[in-house]
């Protein structure tokens, strides 16, 4: 089985841009989930900071993630949303052999 590819992103809204950023993140997530290579896309908000969001994205493979980057919705997000509505962004890339570990016998 080919390893799953995960991207964990911390993204902070620029001043007075929180709700517009959230709207952009939800659009990005919904568009991504319509593709064959994006298996999961979670948008969460930090409990202690209304302006900080965490994204957890799961792709079928590293190649699937590369295909994700070539979609129009991702290109739009990176070109328009990130520069105009965010103050900070950090991504961590992870790989594993399965998307779930079940420790129950």
PDB file of N, CA and C in Angstrom:
ATOM      1  N   UNK A   1       0.841  -1.180   0.000  1.00  0.00           N
ATOM      2  CA  UNK A   1       0.000   0.000   0.000  1.00  0.00           C
ATOM      3  C   UNK A   1       0.885   1.242   0.000  1.00  0.00           C
ATOM      4  N   UNK A   2       0.544   2.190  -0.838  1.00  0.00           N
ATOM      5  CA  UNK A   2       1.301   3.450  -0.906  1.00  0.00           C
ATOM      6  C   UNK A   2       0.980   4.300   0.323  1.00  0.00           C
ATOM      7  N   UNK A   3       1.989   4.947   0.903  1.00  0.00           N
ATOM      8  CA  UNK A   3       1.746   5.763   2.105  1.00  0.00           C
ATOM      9  C   UNK A   3       0.796   6.932   1.831  1.00  0.00           C
ATOM     10  N   UNK A   4      -0.005   7.249   2.825  1.00  0.00           N
ATOM     11  CA  UNK A   4      -0.836   8.452   2.767  1.00  0.00           C
ATOM     12  C   UNK A   4       0.075   9.652   2.999  1.00  0.00           C
ATOM     13  N   UNK A   5      -0.333  10.784   2.501  1.00  0.00           N
ATOM     14  CA  UNK A   5       0.446  12.004   2.638  1.00  0.00           C
ATOM     15  C   UNK A   5      -0.420  13.035   3.340  1.00  0.00           C
ATOM     16  N   UNK A   6       0.082  13.575   4.436  1.00  0.00           N
ATOM     17  CA  UNK A   6      -0.682  14.514   5.243  1.00  0.00           C
ATOM     18  C   UNK A   6       0.005  15.872   5.269  1.00  0.00           C
ATOM     19  N   UNK A   7      -0.797  16.906   5.314  1.00  0.00           N
ATOM     20  CA  UNK A   7      -0.282  18.262   5.472  1.00  0.00           C
ATOM     21  C   UNK A   7      -1.006  18.865   6.672  1.00  0.00           C
ATOM     22  N   UNK A   8      -0.223  19.364   7.614  1.00  0.00           N
ATOM     23  CA  UNK A   8      -0.750  20.015   8.809  1.00  0.00           C
ATOM     24  C   UNK A   8      -0.334  21.472   8.725  1.00  0.00           C
ATOM     25  N   UNK A   9      -1.309  22.371   8.693  1.00  0.00           N
ATOM     26  CA  UNK A   9      -1.025  23.796   8.469  1.00  0.00           C
ATOM     27  C   UNK A   9      -1.577  24.621   9.625  1.00  0.00           C
ATOM     28  N   UNK A  10      -0.757  25.532  10.103  1.00  0.00           N
ATOM     29  CA  UNK A  10      -1.206  26.557  11.047  1.00  0.00           C
ATOM     30  C   UNK A  10      -1.251  27.852  10.255  1.00  0.00           C
ATOM     31  N   UNK A  11      -2.398  28.525  10.288  1.00  0.00           N
ATOM     32  CA  UNK A  11      -2.551  29.747   9.507  1.00  0.00           C
ATOM     33  C   UNK A  11      -3.247  30.793  10.372  1.00  0.00           C
ATOM     34  N   UNK A  12      -2.691  32.000  10.373  1.00  0.00           N
ATOM     35  CA  UNK A  12      -3.209  33.079  11.215  1.00  0.00           C
ATOM     36  C   UNK A  12      -3.759  34.190  10.332  1.00  0.00           C
ATOM     37  N   UNK A  13      -4.941  34.639  10.675  1.00  0.00           N
ATOM     38  CA  UNK A  13      -5.589  35.712   9.910  1.00  0.00           C
ATOM     39  C   UNK A  13      -4.898  37.047  10.162  1.00  0.00           C
ATOM     40  N   UNK A  14      -4.822  37.853   9.118  1.00  0.00           N
ATOM     41  CA  UNK A  14      -4.363  39.235   9.270  1.00  0.00           C
ATOM     42  C   UNK A  14      -5.441  40.006  10.032  1.00  0.00           C
ATOM     43  N   UNK A  15      -5.068  41.141  10.561  1.00  0.00           N
ATOM     44  CA  UNK A  15      -5.998  41.963  11.332  1.00  0.00           C
ATOM     45  C   UNK A  15      -7.288  42.228  10.541  1.00  0.00           C
ATOM     46  N   UNK A  16      -8.420  42.027  11.191  1.00  0.00           N
ATOM     47  CA  UNK A  16      -9.746  42.259  10.614  1.00  0.00           C
ATOM     48  C   UNK A  16     -10.067  41.364   9.412  1.00  0.00           C
ATOM     49  N   UNK A  17      -9.399  40.216   9.307  1.00  0.00           N
ATOM     50  CA  UNK A  17      -9.624  39.325   8.159  1.00  0.00           C
ATOM     51  C   UNK A  17     -10.092  37.932   8.559  1.00  0.00           C
ATOM     52  N   UNK A  18     -10.387  37.724   9.824  1.00  0.00           N
ATOM     53  CA  UNK A  18     -10.680  36.377  10.312  1.00  0.00           C
ATOM     54  C   UNK A  18     -11.846  35.715   9.583  1.00  0.00           C
ATOM     55  N   UNK A  19     -12.960  36.390   9.468  1.00  0.00           N
ATOM     56  CA  UNK A  19     -14.137  35.767   8.857  1.00  0.00           C
ATOM     57  C   UNK A  19     -13.952  35.560   7.352  1.00  0.00           C
ATOM     58  N   UNK A  20     -13.285  36.489   6.685  1.00  0.00           N
ATOM     59  CA  UNK A  20     -13.011  36.305   5.259  1.00  0.00           C
ATOM     60  C   UNK A  20     -12.044  35.140   5.049  1.00  0.00           C
ATOM     61  N   UNK A  21     -11.051  35.012   5.932  1.00  0.00           N
ATOM     62  CA  UNK A  21     -10.125  33.885   5.826  1.00  0.00           C
ATOM     63  C   UNK A  21     -10.872  32.574   6.045  1.00  0.00           C
ATOM     64  N   UNK A  22     -11.716  32.524   7.052  1.00  0.00           N
ATOM     65  CA  UNK A  22     -12.493  31.309   7.305  1.00  0.00           C
ATOM     66  C   UNK A  22     -13.326  30.939   6.082  1.00  0.00           C
ATOM     67  N   UNK A  23     -13.963  31.911   5.474  1.00  0.00           N
ATOM     68  CA  UNK A  23     -14.741  31.662   4.261  1.00  0.00           C
ATOM     69  C   UNK A  23     -13.851  31.068   3.161  1.00  0.00           C
ATOM     70  N   UNK A  24     -12.664  31.635   2.987  1.00  0.00           N
ATOM     71  CA  UNK A  24     -11.724  31.122   1.984  1.00  0.00           C
ATOM     72  C   UNK A  24     -11.247  29.714   2.305  1.00  0.00           C
ATOM     73  N   UNK A  25     -11.011  29.437   3.578  1.00  0.00           N
ATOM     74  CA  UNK A  25     -10.570  28.096   3.991  1.00  0.00           C
ATOM     75  C   UNK A  25     -11.653  27.055   3.736  1.00  0.00           C
ATOM     76  N   UNK A  26     -12.893  27.408   4.036  1.00  0.00           N
ATOM     77  CA  UNK A  26     -13.994  26.460   3.819  1.00  0.00           C
ATOM     78  C   UNK A  26     -14.214  26.213   2.331  1.00  0.00           C
ATOM     79  N   UNK A  27     -14.073  27.247   1.520  1.00  0.00           N
ATOM     80  CA  UNK A  27     -14.172  27.072   0.069  1.00  0.00           C
ATOM     81  C   UNK A  27     -13.055  26.171  -0.432  1.00  0.00           C
ATOM     82  N   UNK A  28     -11.842  26.398   0.061  1.00  0.00           N
ATOM     83  CA  UNK A  28     -10.697  25.568  -0.313  1.00  0.00           C
ATOM     84  C   UNK A  28     -10.939  24.113   0.076  1.00  0.00           C
ATOM     85  N   UNK A  29     -11.396  23.886   1.298  1.00  0.00           N
ATOM     86  CA  UNK A  29     -11.635  22.521   1.775  1.00  0.00           C
ATOM     87  C   UNK A  29     -12.701  21.825   0.929  1.00  0.00           C
ATOM     88  N   UNK A  30     -13.818  22.492   0.705  1.00  0.00           N
ATOM     89  CA  UNK A  30     -14.898  21.879  -0.064  1.00  0.00           C
ATOM     90  C   UNK A  30     -14.487  21.575  -1.497  1.00  0.00           C
ATOM     91  N   UNK A  31     -13.761  22.478  -2.126  1.00  0.00           N
ATOM     92  CA  UNK A  31     -13.286  22.242  -3.495  1.00  0.00           C
ATOM     93  C   UNK A  31     -12.275  21.102  -3.524  1.00  0.00           C
ATOM     94  N   UNK A  32     -11.413  21.051  -2.529  1.00  0.00           N
ATOM     95  CA  UNK A  32     -10.397  19.995  -2.471  1.00  0.00           C
ATOM     96  C   UNK A  32     -11.031  18.623  -2.316  1.00  0.00           C
ATOM     97  N   UNK A  33     -12.064  18.534  -1.500  1.00  0.00           N
ATOM     98  CA  UNK A  33     -12.711  17.245  -1.254  1.00  0.00           C
ATOM     99  C   UNK A  33     -13.474  16.716  -2.469  1.00  0.00           C
ATOM    100  N   UNK A  34     -13.690  17.553  -3.462  1.00  0.00           N
ATOM    101  CA  UNK A  34     -14.337  17.108  -4.694  1.00  0.00           C
ATOM    102  C   UNK A  34     -13.367  16.409  -5.643  1.00  0.00           C
ATOM    103  N   UNK A  35     -12.078  16.470  -5.353  1.00  0.00           N
ATOM    104  CA  UNK A  35     -11.076  15.832  -6.204  1.00  0.00           C
ATOM    105  C   UNK A  35     -10.889  14.378  -5.789  1.00  0.00           C
ATOM    106  N   UNK A  36     -10.264  13.598  -6.667  1.00  0.00           N
ATOM    107  CA  UNK A  36     -10.009  12.183  -6.381  1.00  0.00           C
ATOM    108  C   UNK A  36      -8.839  11.965  -5.431  1.00  0.00           C
ATOM    109  N   UNK A  37      -7.971  12.949  -5.281  1.00  0.00           N
ATOM    110  CA  UNK A  37      -6.747  12.732  -4.513  1.00  0.00           C
ATOM    111  C   UNK A  37      -6.789  13.282  -3.104  1.00  0.00           C
ATOM    112  N   UNK A  38      -7.739  14.124  -2.766  1.00  0.00           N
ATOM    113  CA  UNK A  38      -7.867  14.646  -1.406  1.00  0.00           C
ATOM    114  C   UNK A  38      -8.884  13.793  -0.656  1.00  0.00           C
ATOM    115  N   UNK A  39      -8.408  13.084   0.367  1.00  0.00           N
ATOM    116  CA  UNK A  39      -9.277  12.171   1.109  1.00  0.00           C
ATOM    117  C   UNK A  39      -9.933  12.828   2.320  1.00  0.00           C
ATOM    118  N   UNK A  40      -9.236  13.746   2.956  1.00  0.00           N
ATOM    119  CA  UNK A  40      -9.782  14.452   4.115  1.00  0.00           C
ATOM    120  C   UNK A  40      -9.243  15.874   4.116  1.00  0.00           C
ATOM    121  N   UNK A  41     -10.058  16.796   4.608  1.00  0.00           N
ATOM    122  CA  UNK A  41      -9.619  18.186   4.743  1.00  0.00           C
ATOM    123  C   UNK A  41     -10.400  18.784   5.903  1.00  0.00           C
ATOM    124  N   UNK A  42      -9.722  18.958   7.022  1.00  0.00           N
ATOM    125  CA  UNK A  42     -10.356  19.494   8.221  1.00  0.00           C
ATOM    126  C   UNK A  42      -9.890  20.926   8.455  1.00  0.00           C
ATOM    127  N   UNK A  43     -10.839  21.816   8.696  1.00  0.00           N
ATOM    128  CA  UNK A  43     -10.550  23.200   9.068  1.00  0.00           C
ATOM    129  C   UNK A  43     -10.997  23.354  10.514  1.00  0.00           C
ATOM    130  N   UNK A  44     -10.050  23.697  11.388  1.00  0.00           N
ATOM    131  CA  UNK A  44     -10.366  23.879  12.800  1.00  0.00           C
ATOM    132  C   UNK A  44      -9.855  25.231  13.266  1.00  0.00           C
ATOM    133  N   UNK A  45     -10.489  25.743  14.304  1.00  0.00           N
ATOM    134  CA  UNK A  45     -10.081  27.033  14.868  1.00  0.00           C
ATOM    135  C   UNK A  45      -9.471  26.780  16.238  1.00  0.00           C
ATOM    136  N   UNK A  46      -8.378  27.477  16.533  1.00  0.00           N
ATOM    137  CA  UNK A  46      -7.735  27.331  17.837  1.00  0.00           C
ATOM    138  C   UNK A  46      -8.688  27.762  18.934  1.00  0.00           C
ATOM    139  N   UNK A  47      -8.726  26.996  19.993  1.00  0.00           N
ATOM    140  CA  UNK A  47      -9.632  27.296  21.107  1.00  0.00           C
ATOM    141  C   UNK A  47      -9.270  28.609  21.800  1.00  0.00           C
ATOM    142  N   UNK A  48      -7.988  28.926  21.833  1.00  0.00           N
ATOM    143  CA  UNK A  48      -7.528  30.112  22.560  1.00  0.00           C
ATOM    144  C   UNK A  48      -7.219  31.308  21.655  1.00  0.00           C
ATOM    145  N   UNK A  49      -7.535  31.207  20.358  1.00  0.00           N
ATOM    146  CA  UNK A  49      -7.245  32.309  19.445  1.00  0.00           C
ATOM    147  C   UNK A  49      -8.213  32.270  18.270  1.00  0.00           C
ATOM    148  N   UNK A  50      -9.108  33.222  18.215  1.00  0.00           N
ATOM    149  CA  UNK A  50     -10.100  33.284  17.140  1.00  0.00           C
ATOM    150  C   UNK A  50      -9.456  33.470  15.759  1.00  0.00           C
ATOM    151  N   UNK A  51      -8.238  33.998  15.728  1.00  0.00           N
ATOM    152  CA  UNK A  51      -7.574  34.311  14.457  1.00  0.00           C
ATOM    153  C   UNK A  51      -6.684  33.193  13.931  1.00  0.00           C
ATOM    154  N   UNK A  52      -6.546  32.105  14.685  1.00  0.00           N
ATOM    155  CA  UNK A  52      -5.646  31.024  14.303  1.00  0.00           C
ATOM    156  C   UNK A  52      -6.436  29.784  13.908  1.00  0.00           C
ATOM    157  N   UNK A  53      -6.096  29.252  12.739  1.00  0.00           N
ATOM    158  CA  UNK A  53      -6.751  28.056  12.210  1.00  0.00           C
ATOM    159  C   UNK A  53      -5.701  26.970  11.991  1.00  0.00           C
ATOM    160  N   UNK A  54      -6.152  25.732  12.109  1.00  0.00           N
ATOM    161  CA  UNK A  54      -5.312  24.574  11.810  1.00  0.00           C
ATOM    162  C   UNK A  54      -6.024  23.751  10.753  1.00  0.00           C
ATOM    163  N   UNK A  55      -5.279  23.343   9.745  1.00  0.00           N
ATOM    164  CA  UNK A  55      -5.816  22.512   8.680  1.00  0.00           C
ATOM    165  C   UNK A  55      -5.132  21.155   8.747  1.00  0.00           C
ATOM    166  N   UNK A  56      -5.894  20.107   8.569  1.00  0.00           N
ATOM    167  CA  UNK A  56      -5.324  18.772   8.449  1.00  0.00           C
ATOM    168  C   UNK A  56      -5.861  18.190   7.153  1.00  0.00           C
ATOM    169  N   UNK A  57      -4.943  17.959   6.230  1.00  0.00           N
ATOM    170  CA  UNK A  57      -5.314  17.473   4.908  1.00  0.00           C
ATOM    171  C   UNK A  57      -4.677  16.107   4.693  1.00  0.00           C
ATOM    172  N   UNK A  58      -5.424  15.177   4.125  1.00  0.00           N
ATOM    173  CA  UNK A  58      -4.899  13.848   3.819  1.00  0.00           C
ATOM    174  C   UNK A  58      -5.075  13.593   2.332  1.00  0.00           C
ATOM    175  N   UNK A  59      -3.988  13.174   1.714  1.00  0.00           N
ATOM    176  CA  UNK A  59      -3.982  12.888   0.282  1.00  0.00           C
ATOM    177  C   UNK A  59      -3.638  11.428   0.038  1.00  0.00           C
ATOM    178  N   UNK A  60      -4.059  10.924  -1.091  1.00  0.00           N
ATOM    179  CA  UNK A  60      -3.843   9.526  -1.438  1.00  0.00           C
ATOM    180  C   UNK A  60      -2.353   9.191  -1.537  1.00  0.00           C
ATOM    181  N   UNK A  61      -1.546  10.189  -1.842  1.00  0.00           N
ATOM    182  CA  UNK A  61      -0.096   9.980  -2.005  1.00  0.00           C
ATOM    183  C   UNK A  61       0.583  11.344  -2.110  1.00  0.00           C
ATOM    184  N   UNK A  62       1.890  11.346  -2.125  1.00  0.00           N
ATOM    185  CA  UNK A  62       2.615  12.597  -2.331  1.00  0.00           C
ATOM    186  C   UNK A  62       2.308  13.154  -3.722  1.00  0.00           C
ATOM    187  N   UNK A  63       2.140  12.259  -4.690  1.00  0.00           N
ATOM    188  CA  UNK A  63       1.760  12.680  -6.045  1.00  0.00           C
ATOM    189  C   UNK A  63       0.377  13.351  -6.024  1.00  0.00           C
ATOM    190  N   UNK A  64      -0.532  12.812  -5.215  1.00  0.00           N
ATOM    191  CA  UNK A  64      -1.858  13.412  -5.082  1.00  0.00           C
ATOM    192  C   UNK A  64      -1.771  14.825  -4.525  1.00  0.00           C
ATOM    193  N   UNK A  65      -0.857  15.031  -3.572  1.00  0.00           N
ATOM    194  CA  UNK A  65      -0.663  16.373  -3.028  1.00  0.00           C
ATOM    195  C   UNK A  65      -0.125  17.310  -4.120  1.00  0.00           C
ATOM    196  N   UNK A  66       0.809  16.816  -4.923  1.00  0.00           N
ATOM    197  CA  UNK A  66       1.343  17.632  -6.020  1.00  0.00           C
ATOM    198  C   UNK A  66       0.230  18.011  -6.996  1.00  0.00           C
ATOM    199  N   UNK A  67      -0.674  17.078  -7.279  1.00  0.00           N
ATOM    200  CA  UNK A  67      -1.811  17.367  -8.160  1.00  0.00           C
ATOM    201  C   UNK A  67      -2.735  18.407  -7.515  1.00  0.00           C
ATOM    202  N   UNK A  68      -2.905  18.317  -6.213  1.00  0.00           N
ATOM    203  CA  UNK A  68      -3.711  19.278  -5.457  1.00  0.00           C
ATOM    204  C   UNK A  68      -3.182  20.697  -5.667  1.00  0.00           C
ATOM    205  N   UNK A  69      -1.871  20.849  -5.617  1.00  0.00           N
ATOM    206  CA  UNK A  69      -1.256  22.169  -5.781  1.00  0.00           C
ATOM    207  C   UNK A  69      -1.490  22.764  -7.163  1.00  0.00           C
ATOM    208  N   UNK A  70      -1.799  21.926  -8.144  1.00  0.00           N
ATOM    209  CA  UNK A  70      -2.014  22.391  -9.513  1.00  0.00           C
ATOM    210  C   UNK A  70      -3.466  22.745  -9.814  1.00  0.00           C
ATOM    211  N   UNK A  71      -4.360  22.546  -8.852  1.00  0.00           N
ATOM    212  CA  UNK A  71      -5.773  22.860  -9.099  1.00  0.00           C
ATOM    213  C   UNK A  71      -5.995  24.368  -9.055  1.00  0.00           C
ATOM    214  N   UNK A  72      -7.022  24.812  -9.743  1.00  0.00           N
ATOM    215  CA  UNK A  72      -7.327  26.246  -9.781  1.00  0.00           C
ATOM    216  C   UNK A  72      -7.689  26.793  -8.410  1.00  0.00           C
ATOM    217  N   UNK A  73      -8.411  26.014  -7.602  1.00  0.00           N
ATOM    218  CA  UNK A  73      -8.820  26.533  -6.288  1.00  0.00           C
ATOM    219  C   UNK A  73      -7.616  26.719  -5.358  1.00  0.00           C
ATOM    220  N   UNK A  74      -6.620  25.850  -5.443  1.00  0.00           N
ATOM    221  CA  UNK A  74      -5.418  26.021  -4.615  1.00  0.00           C
ATOM    222  C   UNK A  74      -4.582  27.186  -5.143  1.00  0.00           C
ATOM    223  N   UNK A  75      -4.428  27.281  -6.433  1.00  0.00           N
ATOM    224  CA  UNK A  75      -3.677  28.408  -7.006  1.00  0.00           C
ATOM    225  C   UNK A  75      -4.308  29.737  -6.601  1.00  0.00           C
ATOM    226  N   UNK A  76      -5.640  29.806  -6.646  1.00  0.00           N
ATOM    227  CA  UNK A  76      -6.339  31.026  -6.229  1.00  0.00           C
ATOM    228  C   UNK A  76      -6.078  31.308  -4.749  1.00  0.00           C
ATOM    229  N   UNK A  77      -6.195  30.279  -3.923  1.00  0.00           N
ATOM    230  CA  UNK A  77      -5.985  30.451  -2.489  1.00  0.00           C
ATOM    231  C   UNK A  77      -4.578  30.974  -2.201  1.00  0.00           C
ATOM    232  N   UNK A  78      -3.575  30.371  -2.819  1.00  0.00           N
ATOM    233  CA  UNK A  78      -2.185  30.776  -2.562  1.00  0.00           C
ATOM    234  C   UNK A  78      -1.869  32.157  -3.133  1.00  0.00           C
ATOM    235  N   UNK A  79      -2.492  32.518  -4.243  1.00  0.00           N
ATOM    236  CA  UNK A  79      -2.201  33.804  -4.889  1.00  0.00           C
ATOM    237  C   UNK A  79      -3.014  34.964  -4.325  1.00  0.00           C
ATOM    238  N   UNK A  80      -4.238  34.695  -3.884  1.00  0.00           N
ATOM    239  CA  UNK A  80      -5.133  35.779  -3.463  1.00  0.00           C
ATOM    240  C   UNK A  80      -5.428  35.793  -1.960  1.00  0.00           C
ATOM    241  N   UNK A  81      -5.746  34.660  -1.401  1.00  0.00           N
ATOM    242  CA  UNK A  81      -6.155  34.607   0.001  1.00  0.00           C
ATOM    243  C   UNK A  81      -4.954  34.735   0.935  1.00  0.00           C
ATOM    244  N   UNK A  82      -3.938  33.927   0.728  1.00  0.00           N
ATOM    245  CA  UNK A  82      -2.787  33.941   1.642  1.00  0.00           C
ATOM    246  C   UNK A  82      -2.131  35.323   1.714  1.00  0.00           C
ATOM    247  N   UNK A  83      -1.793  35.959   0.596  1.00  0.00           N
ATOM    248  CA  UNK A  83      -1.119  37.267   0.708  1.00  0.00           C
ATOM    249  C   UNK A  83      -1.995  38.380   1.289  1.00  0.00           C
ATOM    250  N   UNK A  84      -3.298  38.285   1.096  1.00  0.00           N
ATOM    251  CA  UNK A  84      -4.182  39.380   1.491  1.00  0.00           C
ATOM    252  C   UNK A  84      -4.885  39.192   2.832  1.00  0.00           C
ATOM    253  N   UNK A  85      -5.028  37.954   3.286  1.00  0.00           N
ATOM    254  CA  UNK A  85      -5.826  37.713   4.487  1.00  0.00           C
ATOM    255  C   UNK A  85      -5.083  37.011   5.619  1.00  0.00           C
ATOM    256  N   UNK A  86      -3.807  36.717   5.444  1.00  0.00           N
ATOM    257  CA  UNK A  86      -3.072  36.017   6.503  1.00  0.00           C
ATOM    258  C   UNK A  86      -1.858  36.808   6.965  1.00  0.00           C
ATOM    259  N   UNK A  87      -1.478  36.570   8.217  1.00  0.00           N
ATOM    260  CA  UNK A  87      -0.273  37.203   8.742  1.00  0.00           C
ATOM    261  C   UNK A  87       0.839  36.185   8.975  1.00  0.00           C
ATOM    262  N   UNK A  88       0.472  34.896   9.018  1.00  0.00           N
ATOM    263  CA  UNK A  88       1.470  33.863   9.268  1.00  0.00           C
ATOM    264  C   UNK A  88       0.930  32.527   8.774  1.00  0.00           C
ATOM    265  N   UNK A  89       1.830  31.695   8.244  1.00  0.00           N
ATOM    266  CA  UNK A  89       1.440  30.362   7.778  1.00  0.00           C
ATOM    267  C   UNK A  89       2.625  29.429   7.919  1.00  0.00           C
ATOM    268  N   UNK A  90       2.373  28.253   8.468  1.00  0.00           N
ATOM    269  CA  UNK A  90       3.410  27.238   8.640  1.00  0.00           C
ATOM    270  C   UNK A  90       2.819  25.891   8.265  1.00  0.00           C
ATOM    271  N   UNK A  91       3.553  25.104   7.487  1.00  0.00           N
ATOM    272  CA  UNK A  91       3.080  23.784   7.072  1.00  0.00           C
ATOM    273  C   UNK A  91       4.076  22.720   7.490  1.00  0.00           C
ATOM    274  N   UNK A  92       3.535  21.594   7.911  1.00  0.00           N
ATOM    275  CA  UNK A  92       4.335  20.422   8.253  1.00  0.00           C
ATOM    276  C   UNK A  92       3.838  19.290   7.362  1.00  0.00           C
ATOM    277  N   UNK A  93       4.756  18.554   6.753  1.00  0.00           N
ATOM    278  CA  UNK A  93       4.413  17.477   5.835  1.00  0.00           C
ATOM    279  C   UNK A  93       4.722  16.143   6.500  1.00  0.00           C
ATOM    280  N   UNK A  94       3.756  15.220   6.459  1.00  0.00           N
ATOM    281  CA  UNK A  94       3.860  13.941   7.144  1.00  0.00           C
ATOM    282  C   UNK A  94       3.485  12.809   6.193  1.00  0.00           C
ATOM    283  N   UNK A  95       4.058  11.634   6.446  1.00  0.00           N
ATOM    284  CA  UNK A  95       3.739  10.472   5.630  1.00  0.00           C
ATOM    285  C   UNK A  95       3.568   9.270   6.548  1.00  0.00           C
ATOM    286  N   UNK A  96       2.585   8.418   6.254  1.00  0.00           N
ATOM    287  CA  UNK A  96       2.452   7.194   7.005  1.00  0.00           C
ATOM    288  C   UNK A  96       1.920   6.090   6.107  1.00  0.00           C
ATOM    289  N   UNK A  97       1.907   4.890   6.620  1.00  0.00           N
ATOM    290  CA  UNK A  97       1.496   3.739   5.823  1.00  0.00           C
ATOM    291  C   UNK A  97      -0.016   3.546   5.783  1.00  0.00           C
ATOM    292  N   UNK A  98      -0.727   4.145   6.711  1.00  0.00           N
ATOM    293  CA  UNK A  98      -2.189   4.058   6.688  1.00  0.00           C
ATOM    294  C   UNK A  98      -2.739   5.365   7.245  1.00  0.00           C
ATOM    295  N   UNK A  99      -3.995   5.631   6.971  1.00  0.00           N
ATOM    296  CA  UNK A  99      -4.586   6.867   7.441  1.00  0.00           C
ATOM    297  C   UNK A  99      -5.173   6.711   8.839  1.00  0.00           C
ATOM    298  N   UNK A 100      -5.186   5.480   9.373  1.00  0.00           N
ATOM    299  CA  UNK A 100      -5.745   5.255  10.700  1.00  0.00           C
ATOM    300  C   UNK A 100      -5.031   4.106  11.385  1.00  0.00           C
ATOM    301  N   UNK A 101      -4.746   4.304  12.635  1.00  0.00           N
ATOM    302  CA  UNK A 101      -4.184   3.232  13.448  1.00  0.00           C
ATOM    303  C   UNK A 101      -5.250   2.869  14.455  1.00  0.00           C
ATOM    304  N   UNK A 102      -5.666   1.637  14.450  1.00  0.00           N
ATOM    305  CA  UNK A 102      -6.711   1.161  15.354  1.00  0.00           C
ATOM    306  C   UNK A 102      -6.071   0.253  16.385  1.00  0.00           C
ATOM    307  N   UNK A 103      -6.028   0.715  17.615  1.00  0.00           N
ATOM    308  CA  UNK A 103      -5.391  -0.056  18.690  1.00  0.00           C
ATOM    309  C   UNK A 103      -6.348  -0.980  19.421  1.00  0.00           C
ATOM    310  N   UNK A 104      -7.576  -1.034  18.983  1.00  0.00           N
ATOM    311  CA  UNK A 104      -8.547  -1.925  19.629  1.00  0.00           C
ATOM    312  C   UNK A 104      -8.433  -3.324  19.045  1.00  0.00           C
ATOM    313  N   UNK A 105      -8.372  -4.349  19.925  1.00  0.00           N
ATOM    314  CA  UNK A 105      -8.256  -5.729  19.416  1.00  0.00           C
ATOM    315  C   UNK A 105      -9.523  -6.179  18.709  1.00  0.00           C
TER     316      UNK A 105
END
